[in-house]
């Protein structure tokens, strides 16, 4: 770990008036949830075109539920790591306004963060695709069919869709609007565990930069947006953030 980088990051956080964090899959890897795109990740075993698009869910929901059978135990067992707790502590101290996350794992909430803007939704709830009735994760599991694993609404037998954003599905406009507001009104953004490959999330650091805000990137690998960063810290977020 680069001690000089950590000291500079701490100084920038102390000087900032409005801090927001943007987190991606990298922050949760240390909690045992593999990056979907990395070697051995979910998309190497399940073709995202067949298992992860909105169109495929509508036509073959059993494929998504099959994949969820593998993913759910990982999400159930995962615990927040020091990076999650560090961001929650920054919020408690009045330094971090909110966390914008691309993750669906609920780990920021478990760590104690109060405002978590979930760009890609959550696996902990769902809704009937016909009548709109809401369901908790526990209810969806109880309603899963023994034949194909698909949870169906008890009112009309329509498919229940978990509240995760699939490929080809638009983000919730209210969630995206809040994320954009936070990015444009913050004078420092912490970009943690983000490859910055997936839009519109990848555009958020540019929003902060355009308003003369500063960027700290904390990643284990380089990204194509590193030239925007005022400070680049390479390493594990769970080691850098708590320091």
Foldseek 3Di string as FASTA:
>chain_A
DDPVLLVVVVVLLVPWQEEAEEEEPQQQVVQVQDDQPDVVHVCVVPPLVCAFAPVNCQVPVLSVLVSCVVVVVSLVRGEHFQLLLLLQVCVVVVRYPEYEYCDQSCRNVRSHTDHYLHFFFHQQKWAFPPPGDIGGNVQQQVQQDPVRGFRADPVPRGTIDGGGHGPPRDTDPVSVVVLLVSLQPTQEYEYEADLLPDPPSSCSPVNNVVNVHAYEYEEQDDHPCCVRHPGYHHDRSSPSSVD
